[in-house]
Amino acid sequence: MKKVLFIIRQFNVGGAQQQLINLASNLNNKYFEPYIISYYPGGAQEEKIKKTGAKYFCLNKKGKNDISFFFRLISKIRIIDPDIIYTFLATS
């Protein structure tokens, strides 16, 4: 089984967020295990993402100058050890 890690800034209403929700919801779970990391908590669609069946983690970024965020992100990626990383809206 391949681990697929999706990374997104936050779950506000938008096309990228909806695309991620659709992808995570419709991956064939015989072949793919979806994981999702968001930088910031909340957003209008966060509850939808929790219903996709993907393992969801929020890194609770505290703003653009949150240096420790980078280390939390790298640590979580190492723990998950994904085969595929797919990012959305990766700016701060």
Protein backbone atom coordinates (compact mmCIF):
# COMPACT_ATOMS: atom_id res chain seq x y z
CA MET A 1 0.00 0.00 0.00
CA LYS A 2 1.31 3.46 -0.93
CA LYS A 3 1.14 6.30 1.58
CA VAL A 4 -0.02 9.56 0.00
CA LEU A 5 0.60 12.75 1.98
CA PHE A 6 -1.39 15.85 1.07
CA ILE A 7 -0.13 19.15 2.49
CA ILE A 8 -2.25 22.31 2.51
CA ARG A 9 -2.18 25.66 4.28
CA GLN A 10 -5.73 25.66 5.70
CA PHE A 11 -9.25 24.49 4.86
CA ASN A 12 -10.94 27.70 3.83
CA VAL A 13 -13.52 27.57 1.04
CA GLY A 14 -11.79 27.24 -2.31
CA GLY A 15 -11.06 25.08 -5.31
CA ALA A 16 -7.80 23.61 -4.02
CA GLN A 17 -9.43 22.61 -0.76
CA GLN A 18 -12.33 20.95 -2.59
CA GLN A 19 -9.92 19.16 -4.92
CA LEU A 20 -8.01 17.77 -1.92
CA ILE A 21 -11.25 16.63 -0.26
CA ASN A 22 -12.33 14.88 -3.47
CA LEU A 23 -8.94 13.20 -3.93
CA ALA A 24 -8.67 12.03 -0.33
CA SER A 25 -12.26 10.76 -0.34
CA ASN A 26 -11.95 8.82 -3.59
CA LEU A 27 -8.54 7.17 -3.41
CA ASN A 28 -8.77 3.41 -3.70
CA ASN A 29 -8.05 2.28 -0.13
CA LYS A 30 -6.77 -1.07 -1.39
CA TYR A 31 -3.75 0.70 -2.86
CA PHE A 32 -3.45 4.07 -1.12
CA GLU A 33 -3.40 5.27 2.47
CA PRO A 34 -4.12 9.04 2.57
CA TYR A 35 -2.62 11.43 5.12
CA ILE A 36 -3.31 15.16 5.32
CA ILE A 37 -1.28 17.88 7.02
CA SER A 38 -2.55 21.44 7.33
CA TYR A 39 -0.45 24.37 8.50
CA TYR A 40 -3.25 26.22 10.31
CA PRO A 41 -6.31 24.95 12.19
CA GLY A 42 -9.88 25.74 11.25
CA GLY A 43 -11.40 26.83 8.02
CA ALA A 44 -14.88 26.28 6.67
CA GLN A 45 -14.04 22.86 5.21
CA GLU A 46 -11.97 21.36 8.03
CA GLU A 47 -14.86 19.18 9.21
CA LYS A 48 -15.27 17.77 5.69
CA ILE A 49 -11.64 16.70 5.58
CA LYS A 50 -12.03 14.82 8.86
CA LYS A 51 -14.80 12.74 7.20
CA THR A 52 -12.65 11.58 4.27
CA GLY A 53 -11.08 8.71 6.16
CA ALA A 54 -7.61 10.20 5.77
CA LYS A 55 -5.36 10.53 8.79
CA TYR A 56 -5.40 14.27 9.49
CA PHE A 57 -2.81 16.34 11.35
CA CYS A 58 -2.74 20.09 11.97
CA LEU A 59 0.63 21.65 12.78
CA ASN A 60 -0.90 24.78 14.39
CA LYS A 61 1.43 27.23 12.69
CA LYS A 62 1.55 30.49 14.66
CA GLY A 63 2.30 32.83 11.74
CA LYS A 64 4.91 33.51 9.11
CA ASN A 65 7.74 33.75 11.65
CA ASP A 66 7.02 30.44 13.39
CA ILE A 67 10.43 28.81 12.86
CA SER A 68 9.51 25.73 14.90
CA PHE A 69 6.76 24.98 12.35
CA PHE A 70 9.38 23.86 9.83
CA PHE A 71 10.79 21.32 12.28
CA ARG A 72 7.29 20.04 13.16
CA LEU A 73 6.56 19.62 9.44
CA ILE A 74 9.79 17.74 8.73
CA SER A 75 9.27 15.56 11.81
CA LYS A 76 5.72 14.65 10.79
CA ILE A 77 6.84 13.85 7.22
CA ARG A 78 9.56 11.55 8.58
CA ILE A 79 7.08 9.79 10.88
CA ILE A 80 4.55 9.26 8.08
CA ASP A 81 7.28 8.28 5.59
CA PRO A 82 5.09 8.86 2.52
CA ASP A 83 5.62 7.37 -0.91
CA ILE A 84 3.96 10.40 -2.55
CA ILE A 85 3.73 14.03 -1.38
CA TYR A 86 1.15 16.28 -3.03
CA THR A 87 1.07 19.92 -1.92
CA PHE A 88 -1.64 22.55 -2.27
CA LEU A 89 -1.28 26.30 -1.64
CA ALA A 90 2.11 25.82 -0.04
CA THR A 91 2.82 29.49 0.69
CA SER A 92 3.13 30.71 4.26
